[in-house]
PDB file of N, CA and C in Angstrom:
ATOM      1  N   ILE A   1     -10.708  -4.102   5.610  1.00  0.00           N
ATOM      2  CA  ILE A   1      -9.715  -4.750   4.778  1.00  0.00           C
ATOM      3  C   ILE A   1      -9.324  -6.045   5.463  1.00  0.00           C
ATOM      4  N   LYS A   2      -9.407  -7.129   4.729  1.00  0.00           N
ATOM      5  CA  LYS A   2      -9.059  -8.435   5.293  1.00  0.00           C
ATOM      6  C   LYS A   2      -8.247  -9.231   4.281  1.00  0.00           C
ATOM      7  N   PHE A   3      -7.230  -9.901   4.802  1.00  0.00           N
ATOM      8  CA  PHE A   3      -6.414 -10.816   4.018  1.00  0.00           C
ATOM      9  C   PHE A   3      -6.319 -12.117   4.802  1.00  0.00           C
ATOM     10  N   SER A   4      -7.416 -12.823   4.909  1.00  0.00           N
ATOM     11  CA  SER A   4      -7.479 -14.026   5.738  1.00  0.00           C
ATOM     12  C   SER A   4      -6.542 -15.126   5.254  1.00  0.00           C
ATOM     13  N   PHE A   5      -6.090 -15.052   4.029  1.00  0.00           N
ATOM     14  CA  PHE A   5      -5.178 -16.059   3.473  1.00  0.00           C
ATOM     15  C   PHE A   5      -3.720 -15.791   3.836  1.00  0.00           C
ATOM     16  N   LEU A   6      -3.441 -14.644   4.474  1.00  0.00           N
ATOM     17  CA  LEU A   6      -2.078 -14.313   4.902  1.00  0.00           C
ATOM     18  C   LEU A   6      -1.992 -14.321   6.421  1.00  0.00           C
ATOM     19  N   ASP A   7      -0.933 -14.870   6.927  1.00  0.00           N
ATOM     20  CA  ASP A   7      -0.682 -14.859   8.363  1.00  0.00           C
ATOM     21  C   ASP A   7      -0.457 -13.417   8.820  1.00  0.00           C
ATOM     22  N   GLU A   8      -0.936 -13.081  10.015  1.00  0.00           N
ATOM     23  CA  GLU A   8      -0.755 -11.719  10.528  1.00  0.00           C
ATOM     24  C   GLU A   8       0.708 -11.351  10.723  1.00  0.00           C
ATOM     25  N   ALA A   9       1.592 -12.338  10.809  1.00  0.00           N
ATOM     26  CA  ALA A   9       3.021 -12.048  10.894  1.00  0.00           C
ATOM     27  C   ALA A   9       3.527 -11.436   9.588  1.00  0.00           C
ATOM     28  N   ILE A  10       2.848 -11.717   8.488  1.00  0.00           N
ATOM     29  CA  ILE A  10       3.214 -11.173   7.186  1.00  0.00           C
ATOM     30  C   ILE A  10       2.540  -9.829   6.952  1.00  0.00           C
ATOM     31  N   LEU A  11       1.254  -9.763   7.217  1.00  0.00           N
ATOM     32  CA  LEU A  11       0.481  -8.545   6.987  1.00  0.00           C
ATOM     33  C   LEU A  11      -0.580  -8.403   8.060  1.00  0.00           C
ATOM     34  N   ARG A  12      -0.479  -7.334   8.808  1.00  0.00           N
ATOM     35  CA  ARG A  12      -1.456  -7.066   9.867  1.00  0.00           C
ATOM     36  C   ARG A  12      -2.295  -5.861   9.472  1.00  0.00           C
ATOM     37  N   VAL A  13      -3.600  -6.024   9.561  1.00  0.00           N
ATOM     38  CA  VAL A  13      -4.535  -4.925   9.330  1.00  0.00           C
ATOM     39  C   VAL A  13      -5.240  -4.673  10.651  1.00  0.00           C
ATOM     40  N   SER A  14      -5.168  -3.445  11.132  1.00  0.00           N
ATOM     41  CA  SER A  14      -5.809  -3.126  12.412  1.00  0.00           C
ATOM     42  C   SER A  14      -7.328  -3.111  12.247  1.00  0.00           C
ATOM     43  N   PRO A  15      -8.072  -3.162  13.353  1.00  0.00           N
ATOM     44  CA  PRO A  15      -9.536  -3.129  13.269  1.00  0.00           C
ATOM     45  C   PRO A  15     -10.089  -1.882  12.565  1.00  0.00           C
ATOM     46  N   ASP A  16      -9.326  -0.785  12.573  1.00  0.00           N
ATOM     47  CA  ASP A  16      -9.795   0.425  11.892  1.00  0.00           C
ATOM     48  C   ASP A  16      -9.187   0.573  10.487  1.00  0.00           C
ATOM     49  N   ASN A  17      -8.764  -0.553   9.900  1.00  0.00           N
ATOM     50  CA  ASN A  17      -8.238  -0.626   8.530  1.00  0.00           C
ATOM     51  C   ASN A  17      -6.879   0.033   8.346  1.00  0.00           C
ATOM     52  N   ASP A  18      -6.127   0.186   9.399  1.00  0.00           N
ATOM     53  CA  ASP A  18      -4.783   0.743   9.275  1.00  0.00           C
ATOM     54  C   ASP A  18      -3.860  -0.349   8.739  1.00  0.00           C
ATOM     55  N   ILE A  19      -3.166  -0.060   7.650  1.00  0.00           N
ATOM     56  CA  ILE A  19      -2.317  -1.043   6.986  1.00  0.00           C
ATOM     57  C   ILE A  19      -1.068  -0.337   6.484  1.00  0.00           C
ATOM     58  N   ASP A  20       0.077  -0.979   6.633  1.00  0.00           N
ATOM     59  CA  ASP A  20       1.342  -0.386   6.211  1.00  0.00           C
ATOM     60  C   ASP A  20       1.772  -0.981   4.877  1.00  0.00           C
ATOM     61  N   VAL A  21       1.428  -0.282   3.799  1.00  0.00           N
ATOM     62  CA  VAL A  21       1.779  -0.716   2.450  1.00  0.00           C
ATOM     63  C   VAL A  21       2.374   0.488   1.718  1.00  0.00           C
ATOM     64  N   TYR A  22       3.610   0.338   1.242  1.00  0.00           N
ATOM     65  CA  TYR A  22       4.312   1.424   0.552  1.00  0.00           C
ATOM     66  C   TYR A  22       3.641   1.732  -0.786  1.00  0.00           C
ATOM     67  N   LYS A  23       3.209   2.972  -0.918  1.00  0.00           N
ATOM     68  CA  LYS A  23       2.520   3.436  -2.133  1.00  0.00           C
ATOM     69  C   LYS A  23       1.336   2.539  -2.493  1.00  0.00           C
ATOM     70  N   TYR A  24       0.744   1.912  -1.464  1.00  0.00           N
ATOM     71  CA  TYR A  24      -0.406   1.022  -1.635  1.00  0.00           C
ATOM     72  C   TYR A  24      -0.080  -0.210  -2.473  1.00  0.00           C
ATOM     73  N   VAL A  25       1.196  -0.556  -2.572  1.00  0.00           N
ATOM     74  CA  VAL A  25       1.597  -1.686  -3.407  1.00  0.00           C
ATOM     75  C   VAL A  25       2.495  -2.672  -2.665  1.00  0.00           C
ATOM     76  N   PHE A  26       3.572  -2.204  -2.051  1.00  0.00           N
ATOM     77  CA  PHE A  26       4.584  -3.102  -1.493  1.00  0.00           C
ATOM     78  C   PHE A  26       4.575  -3.131   0.028  1.00  0.00           C
ATOM     79  N   LEU A  27       4.721  -4.335   0.581  1.00  0.00           N
ATOM     80  CA  LEU A  27       4.874  -4.499   2.026  1.00  0.00           C
ATOM     81  C   LEU A  27       6.340  -4.271   2.363  1.00  0.00           C
ATOM     82  N   PRO A  28       6.671  -3.285   3.175  1.00  0.00           N
ATOM     83  CA  PRO A  28       8.075  -2.968   3.434  1.00  0.00           C
ATOM     84  C   PRO A  28       8.908  -4.153   3.902  1.00  0.00           C
ATOM     85  N   ALA A  29       8.380  -4.990   4.770  1.00  0.00           N
ATOM     86  CA  ALA A  29       9.159  -6.122   5.293  1.00  0.00           C
ATOM     87  C   ALA A  29       9.233  -7.286   4.315  1.00  0.00           C
ATOM     88  N   GLN A  30       8.358  -7.322   3.324  1.00  0.00           N
ATOM     89  CA  GLN A  30       8.281  -8.456   2.398  1.00  0.00           C
ATOM     90  C   GLN A  30       8.636  -8.070   0.958  1.00  0.00           C
ATOM     91  N   SER A  31       8.977  -6.825   0.729  1.00  0.00           N
ATOM     92  CA  SER A  31       9.178  -6.346  -0.642  1.00  0.00           C
ATOM     93  C   SER A  31      10.376  -7.000  -1.284  1.00  0.00           C
ATOM     94  N   PRO A  32      10.298  -7.277  -2.566  1.00  0.00           N
ATOM     95  CA  PRO A  32       9.119  -7.183  -3.427  1.00  0.00           C
ATOM     96  C   PRO A  32       8.342  -8.491  -3.529  1.00  0.00           C
ATOM     97  N   THR A  33       8.599  -9.410  -2.606  1.00  0.00           N
ATOM     98  CA  THR A  33       7.975 -10.727  -2.685  1.00  0.00           C
ATOM     99  C   THR A  33       6.455 -10.665  -2.699  1.00  0.00           C
ATOM    100  N   ILE A  34       5.891  -9.821  -1.851  1.00  0.00           N
ATOM    101  CA  ILE A  34       4.437  -9.676  -1.797  1.00  0.00           C
ATOM    102  C   ILE A  34       4.091  -8.247  -2.192  1.00  0.00           C
ATOM    103  N   SER A  35       3.166  -8.132  -3.122  1.00  0.00           N
ATOM    104  CA  SER A  35       2.712  -6.812  -3.545  1.00  0.00           C
ATOM    105  C   SER A  35       1.197  -6.827  -3.719  1.00  0.00           C
ATOM    106  N   MET A  36       0.618  -5.652  -3.729  1.00  0.00           N
ATOM    107  CA  MET A  36      -0.837  -5.505  -3.826  1.00  0.00           C
ATOM    108  C   MET A  36      -1.179  -4.753  -5.106  1.00  0.00           C
ATOM    109  N   VAL A  37      -2.278  -5.100  -5.706  1.00  0.00           N
ATOM    110  CA  VAL A  37      -2.800  -4.370  -6.861  1.00  0.00           C
ATOM    111  C   VAL A  37      -4.240  -3.996  -6.541  1.00  0.00           C
ATOM    112  N   GLY A  38      -4.572  -2.736  -6.707  1.00  0.00           N
ATOM    113  CA  GLY A  38      -5.947  -2.279  -6.514  1.00  0.00           C
ATOM    114  C   GLY A  38      -6.344  -2.014  -5.076  1.00  0.00           C
ATOM    115  N   LEU A  39      -5.369  -1.914  -4.179  1.00  0.00           N
ATOM    116  CA  LEU A  39      -5.673  -1.660  -2.768  1.00  0.00           C
ATOM    117  C   LEU A  39      -5.724  -0.151  -2.524  1.00  0.00           C
ATOM    118  N   VAL A  40      -6.677   0.503  -3.164  1.00  0.00           N
ATOM    119  CA  VAL A  40      -6.849   1.943  -3.022  1.00  0.00           C
ATOM    120  C   VAL A  40      -8.331   2.282  -2.989  1.00  0.00           C
ATOM    121  N   GLN A  41      -8.638   3.373  -2.321  1.00  0.00           N
ATOM    122  CA  GLN A  41      -9.984   3.960  -2.357  1.00  0.00           C
ATOM    123  C   GLN A  41      -9.818   5.224  -3.190  1.00  0.00           C
ATOM    124  N   GLN A  42     -10.189   5.150  -4.448  1.00  0.00           N
ATOM    125  CA  GLN A  42      -9.904   6.231  -5.376  1.00  0.00           C
ATOM    126  C   GLN A  42     -11.162   6.972  -5.806  1.00  0.00           C
ATOM    127  N   VAL A  43     -10.930   8.104  -6.445  1.00  0.00           N
ATOM    128  CA  VAL A  43     -11.986   8.810  -7.148  1.00  0.00           C
ATOM    129  C   VAL A  43     -11.765   8.476  -8.618  1.00  0.00           C
ATOM    130  N   GLY A  44     -12.743   7.898  -9.250  1.00  0.00           N
ATOM    131  CA  GLY A  44     -12.583   7.517 -10.648  1.00  0.00           C
ATOM    132  C   GLY A  44     -12.359   6.023 -10.805  1.00  0.00           C
ATOM    133  N   ALA A  45     -11.892   5.660 -11.984  1.00  0.00           N
ATOM    134  CA  ALA A  45     -11.755   4.253 -12.351  1.00  0.00           C
ATOM    135  C   ALA A  45     -10.562   3.592 -11.665  1.00  0.00           C
ATOM    136  N   LEU A  46     -10.761   2.363 -11.230  1.00  0.00           N
ATOM    137  CA  LEU A  46      -9.704   1.597 -10.579  1.00  0.00           C
ATOM    138  C   LEU A  46      -8.762   0.933 -11.588  1.00  0.00           C
ATOM    139  N   MET A  47      -9.252   0.555 -12.740  1.00  0.00           N
ATOM    140  CA  MET A  47      -8.441  -0.224 -13.677  1.00  0.00           C
ATOM    141  C   MET A  47      -7.176   0.493 -14.152  1.00  0.00           C
ATOM    142  N   PRO A  48      -7.193   1.787 -14.488  1.00  0.00           N
ATOM    143  CA  PRO A  48      -5.944   2.438 -14.889  1.00  0.00           C
ATOM    144  C   PRO A  48      -4.908   2.459 -13.757  1.00  0.00           C
ATOM    145  N   ILE A  49      -5.361   2.648 -12.534  1.00  0.00           N
ATOM    146  CA  ILE A  49      -4.449   2.623 -11.388  1.00  0.00           C
ATOM    147  C   ILE A  49      -3.870   1.223 -11.227  1.00  0.00           C
ATOM    148  N   SER A  50      -4.720   0.215 -11.332  1.00  0.00           N
ATOM    149  CA  SER A  50      -4.271  -1.173 -11.189  1.00  0.00           C
ATOM    150  C   SER A  50      -3.272  -1.544 -12.277  1.00  0.00           C
ATOM    151  N   GLU A  51      -3.489  -1.075 -13.492  1.00  0.00           N
ATOM    152  CA  GLU A  51      -2.553  -1.374 -14.577  1.00  0.00           C
ATOM    153  C   GLU A  51      -1.187  -0.754 -14.292  1.00  0.00           C
ATOM    154  N   LEU A  52      -1.172   0.490 -13.837  1.00  0.00           N
ATOM    155  CA  LEU A  52       0.108   1.140 -13.534  1.00  0.00           C
ATOM    156  C   LEU A  52       0.806   0.462 -12.360  1.00  0.00           C
ATOM    157  N   GLN A  53       0.035   0.067 -11.352  1.00  0.00           N
ATOM    158  CA  GLN A  53       0.636  -0.661 -10.236  1.00  0.00           C
ATOM    159  C   GLN A  53       1.252  -1.980 -10.733  1.00  0.00           C
ATOM    160  N   SER A  54       0.547  -2.683 -11.602  1.00  0.00           N
ATOM    161  CA  SER A  54       1.044  -3.949 -12.150  1.00  0.00           C
ATOM    162  C   SER A  54       2.326  -3.739 -12.948  1.00  0.00           C
ATOM    163  N   ARG A  55       2.374  -2.681 -13.731  1.00  0.00           N
ATOM    164  CA  ARG A  55       3.585  -2.383 -14.507  1.00  0.00           C
ATOM    165  C   ARG A  55       4.758  -2.096 -13.574  1.00  0.00           C
ATOM    166  N   TRP A  56       4.498  -1.349 -12.501  1.00  0.00           N
ATOM    167  CA  TRP A  56       5.551  -1.028 -11.539  1.00  0.00           C
ATOM    168  C   TRP A  56       6.072  -2.307 -10.878  1.00  0.00           C
ATOM    169  N   ILE A  57       5.157  -3.169 -10.450  1.00  0.00           N
ATOM    170  CA  ILE A  57       5.553  -4.443  -9.837  1.00  0.00           C
ATOM    171  C   ILE A  57       6.432  -5.238 -10.797  1.00  0.00           C
ATOM    172  N   CYS A  58       6.037  -5.330 -12.054  1.00  0.00           N
ATOM    173  CA  CYS A  58       6.833  -6.074 -13.043  1.00  0.00           C
ATOM    174  C   CYS A  58       8.223  -5.473 -13.189  1.00  0.00           C
ATOM    175  N   GLN A  59       8.317  -4.168 -13.221  1.00  0.00           N
ATOM    176  CA  GLN A  59       9.623  -3.517 -13.356  1.00  0.00           C
ATOM    177  C   GLN A  59      10.512  -3.784 -12.137  1.00  0.00           C
ATOM    178  N   VAL A  60       9.905  -3.788 -10.953  1.00  0.00           N
ATOM    179  CA  VAL A  60      10.667  -4.084  -9.733  1.00  0.00           C
ATOM    180  C   VAL A  60      11.133  -5.539  -9.750  1.00  0.00           C
ATOM    181  N   LEU A  61      10.232  -6.461 -10.085  1.00  0.00           N
ATOM    182  CA  LEU A  61      10.586  -7.881 -10.101  1.00  0.00           C
ATOM    183  C   LEU A  61      11.646  -8.206 -11.156  1.00  0.00           C
ATOM    184  N   GLN A  62      11.644  -7.488 -12.268  1.00  0.00           N
ATOM    185  CA  GLN A  62      12.643  -7.697 -13.303  1.00  0.00           C
ATOM    186  C   GLN A  62      13.981  -7.043 -12.954  1.00  0.00           C
ATOM    187  N   GLY A  63      13.994  -6.227 -11.909  1.00  0.00           N
ATOM    188  CA  GLY A  63      15.228  -5.563 -11.504  1.00  0.00           C
ATOM    189  C   GLY A  63      15.512  -4.273 -12.255  1.00  0.00           C
ATOM    190  N   ASN A  64      14.549  -3.796 -13.013  1.00  0.00           N
ATOM    191  CA  ASN A  64      14.726  -2.547 -13.762  1.00  0.00           C
ATOM    192  C   ASN A  64      14.526  -1.308 -12.900  1.00  0.00           C
ATOM    193  N   VAL A  65      13.788  -1.458 -11.816  1.00  0.00           N
ATOM    194  CA  VAL A  65      13.492  -0.364 -10.898  1.00  0.00           C
ATOM    195  C   VAL A  65      13.721  -0.868  -9.485  1.00  0.00           C
ATOM    196  N   GLY A  66      14.331  -0.050  -8.671  1.00  0.00           N
ATOM    197  CA  GLY A  66      14.567  -0.437  -7.287  1.00  0.00           C
ATOM    198  C   GLY A  66      13.551   0.165  -6.343  1.00  0.00           C
ATOM    199  N   LEU A  67      13.511  -0.345  -5.151  1.00  0.00           N
ATOM    200  CA  LEU A  67      12.671   0.194  -4.090  1.00  0.00           C
ATOM    201  C   LEU A  67      13.571   0.823  -3.037  1.00  0.00           C
ATOM    202  N   PRO A  68      13.055   1.814  -2.317  1.00  0.00           N
ATOM    203  CA  PRO A  68      13.856   2.395  -1.240  1.00  0.00           C
ATOM    204  C   PRO A  68      14.036   1.405  -0.092  1.00  0.00           C
ATOM    205  N   SER A  69      14.861   1.767   0.866  1.00  0.00           N
ATOM    206  CA  SER A  69      15.068   0.916   2.034  1.00  0.00           C
ATOM    207  C   SER A  69      13.762   0.782   2.818  1.00  0.00           C
ATOM    208  N   GLN A  70      13.707  -0.225   3.656  1.00  0.00           N
ATOM    209  CA  GLN A  70      12.518  -0.431   4.481  1.00  0.00           C
ATOM    210  C   GLN A  70      12.262   0.801   5.343  1.00  0.00           C
ATOM    211  N   ARG A  71      13.312   1.395   5.883  1.00  0.00           N
ATOM    212  CA  ARG A  71      13.175   2.598   6.713  1.00  0.00           C
ATOM    213  C   ARG A  71      12.529   3.737   5.925  1.00  0.00           C
ATOM    214  N   LYS A  72      12.968   3.941   4.682  1.00  0.00           N
ATOM    215  CA  LYS A  72      12.399   5.002   3.853  1.00  0.00           C
ATOM    216  C   LYS A  72      10.954   4.703   3.466  1.00  0.00           C
ATOM    217  N   MET A  73      10.659   3.426   3.203  1.00  0.00           N
ATOM    218  CA  MET A  73       9.274   3.066   2.888  1.00  0.00           C
ATOM    219  C   MET A  73       8.360   3.342   4.079  1.00  0.00           C
ATOM    220  N   LEU A  74       8.805   2.977   5.281  1.00  0.00           N
ATOM    221  CA  LEU A  74       7.986   3.224   6.472  1.00  0.00           C
ATOM    222  C   LEU A  74       7.811   4.713   6.729  1.00  0.00           C
ATOM    223  N   ALA A  75       8.839   5.508   6.470  1.00  0.00           N
ATOM    224  CA  ALA A  75       8.724   6.961   6.624  1.00  0.00           C
ATOM    225  C   ALA A  75       7.720   7.525   5.632  1.00  0.00           C
ATOM    226  N   ASP A  76       7.722   7.023   4.411  1.00  0.00           N
ATOM    227  CA  ASP A  76       6.773   7.463   3.396  1.00  0.00           C
ATOM    228  C   ASP A  76       5.341   7.091   3.799  1.00  0.00           C
ATOM    229  N   ILE A  77       5.175   5.897   4.338  1.00  0.00           N
ATOM    230  CA  ILE A  77       3.855   5.455   4.804  1.00  0.00           C
ATOM    231  C   ILE A  77       3.361   6.371   5.920  1.00  0.00           C
ATOM    232  N   ALA A  78       4.225   6.692   6.860  1.00  0.00           N
ATOM    233  CA  ALA A  78       3.845   7.578   7.975  1.00  0.00           C
ATOM    234  C   ALA A  78       3.455   8.962   7.460  1.00  0.00           C
ATOM    235  N   ALA A  79       4.186   9.483   6.496  1.00  0.00           N
ATOM    236  CA  ALA A  79       3.863  10.798   5.928  1.00  0.00           C
ATOM    237  C   ALA A  79       2.516  10.766   5.213  1.00  0.00           C
ATOM    238  N   LYS A  80       2.243   9.684   4.483  1.00  0.00           N
ATOM    239  CA  LYS A  80       0.963   9.563   3.784  1.00  0.00           C
ATOM    240  C   LYS A  80      -0.193   9.472   4.774  1.00  0.00           C
ATOM    241  N   LYS A  81       0.002   8.724   5.863  1.00  0.00           N
ATOM    242  CA  LYS A  81      -1.044   8.623   6.887  1.00  0.00           C
ATOM    243  C   LYS A  81      -1.320   9.981   7.517  1.00  0.00           C
ATOM    244  N   ALA A  82      -0.276  10.754   7.767  1.00  0.00           N
ATOM    245  CA  ALA A  82      -0.453  12.096   8.343  1.00  0.00           C
ATOM    246  C   ALA A  82      -1.225  12.988   7.368  1.00  0.00           C
ATOM    247  N   ALA A  83      -0.920  12.894   6.081  1.00  0.00           N
ATOM    248  CA  ALA A  83      -1.631  13.689   5.081  1.00  0.00           C
ATOM    249  C   ALA A  83      -3.104  13.290   5.011  1.00  0.00           C
ATOM    250  N   ILE A  84      -3.379  12.005   5.086  1.00  0.00           N
ATOM    251  CA  ILE A  84      -4.773  11.536   5.065  1.00  0.00           C
ATOM    252  C   ILE A  84      -5.517  12.051   6.291  1.00  0.00           C
ATOM    253  N   ARG A  85      -4.883  11.965   7.478  1.00  0.00           N
ATOM    254  CA  ARG A  85      -5.535  12.450   8.709  1.00  0.00           C
ATOM    255  C   ARG A  85      -5.828  13.941   8.651  1.00  0.00           C
ATOM    256  N   SER A  86      -4.995  14.702   7.966  1.00  0.00           N
ATOM    257  CA  SER A  86      -5.212  16.143   7.888  1.00  0.00           C
ATOM    258  C   SER A  86      -6.309  16.508   6.887  1.00  0.00           C
ATOM    259  N   ARG A  87      -6.618  15.597   5.977  1.00  0.00           N
ATOM    260  CA  ARG A  87      -7.578  15.911   4.925  1.00  0.00           C
ATOM    261  C   ARG A  87      -8.948  15.261   5.108  1.00  0.00           C
ATOM    262  N   TYR A  88      -8.979  14.060   5.686  1.00  0.00           N
ATOM    263  CA  TYR A  88     -10.220  13.299   5.780  1.00  0.00           C
ATOM    264  C   TYR A  88     -10.603  13.053   7.238  1.00  0.00           C
ATOM    265  N   LEU A  89     -11.867  12.703   7.433  1.00  0.00           N
ATOM    266  CA  LEU A  89     -12.324  12.308   8.757  1.00  0.00           C
ATOM    267  C   LEU A  89     -11.645  10.998   9.154  1.00  0.00           C
ATOM    268  N   ALA A  90     -11.514  10.794  10.443  1.00  0.00           N
ATOM    269  CA  ALA A  90     -10.888   9.561  10.948  1.00  0.00           C
ATOM    270  C   ALA A  90     -11.887   8.406  10.810  1.00  0.00           C
ATOM    271  N   ARG A  91     -11.952   7.842   9.639  1.00  0.00           N
ATOM    272  CA  ARG A  91     -12.860   6.736   9.340  1.00  0.00           C
ATOM    273  C   ARG A  91     -12.084   5.617   8.659  1.00  0.00           C
ATOM    274  N   ALA A  92     -12.524   4.389   8.865  1.00  0.00           N
ATOM    275  CA  ALA A  92     -11.848   3.222   8.296  1.00  0.00           C
ATOM    276  C   ALA A  92     -11.820   3.279   6.760  1.00  0.00           C
ATOM    277  N   ARG A  93     -12.782   3.913   6.148  1.00  0.00           N
ATOM    278  CA  ARG A  93     -12.836   3.942   4.686  1.00  0.00           C
ATOM    279  C   ARG A  93     -11.794   4.864   4.075  1.00  0.00           C
ATOM    280  N   HIS A  94     -11.190   5.744   4.883  1.00  0.00           N
ATOM    281  CA  HIS A  94     -10.224   6.702   4.344  1.00  0.00           C
ATOM    282  C   HIS A  94      -8.775   6.267   4.505  1.00  0.00           C
ATOM    283  N   THR A  95      -8.506   5.094   5.026  1.00  0.00           N
ATOM    284  CA  THR A  95      -7.118   4.698   5.279  1.00  0.00           C
ATOM    285  C   THR A  95      -6.338   4.413   4.010  1.00  0.00           C
ATOM    286  N   ILE A  96      -7.021   4.131   2.910  1.00  0.00           N
ATOM    287  CA  ILE A  96      -6.347   3.870   1.640  1.00  0.00           C
ATOM    288  C   ILE A  96      -6.839   4.841   0.559  1.00  0.00           C
ATOM    289  N   GLN A  97      -7.199   6.041   0.974  1.00  0.00           N
ATOM    290  CA  GLN A  97      -7.732   7.051   0.066  1.00  0.00           C
ATOM    291  C   GLN A  97      -6.614   7.627  -0.802  1.00  0.00           C
ATOM    292  N   VAL A  98      -6.866   7.711  -2.102  1.00  0.00           N
ATOM    293  CA  VAL A  98      -5.931   8.371  -3.016  1.00  0.00           C
ATOM    294  C   VAL A  98      -6.679   9.375  -3.855  1.00  0.00           C
TER     295      VAL A  98
END
């Protein structure tokens, strides 16, 4: 995973593809200013997931839906990483598995 157009101070991706993105959409420190669409390794079609992510982003930006605190987002990210480690092999391709 590479985002060469973003400074590492904004988004850092480790060499093994470890990335801290809340629900694969929002950067906890930058939310909701920067969001991601389609940053998942899924089973099945990507477009329905991307559409739902886009709808969620729009609702957050319009103020219709709120996001949890940065602390809660980071806790959720840590829990998701633990679940991935318990289910998949420790490989770079599984860091964004859904």
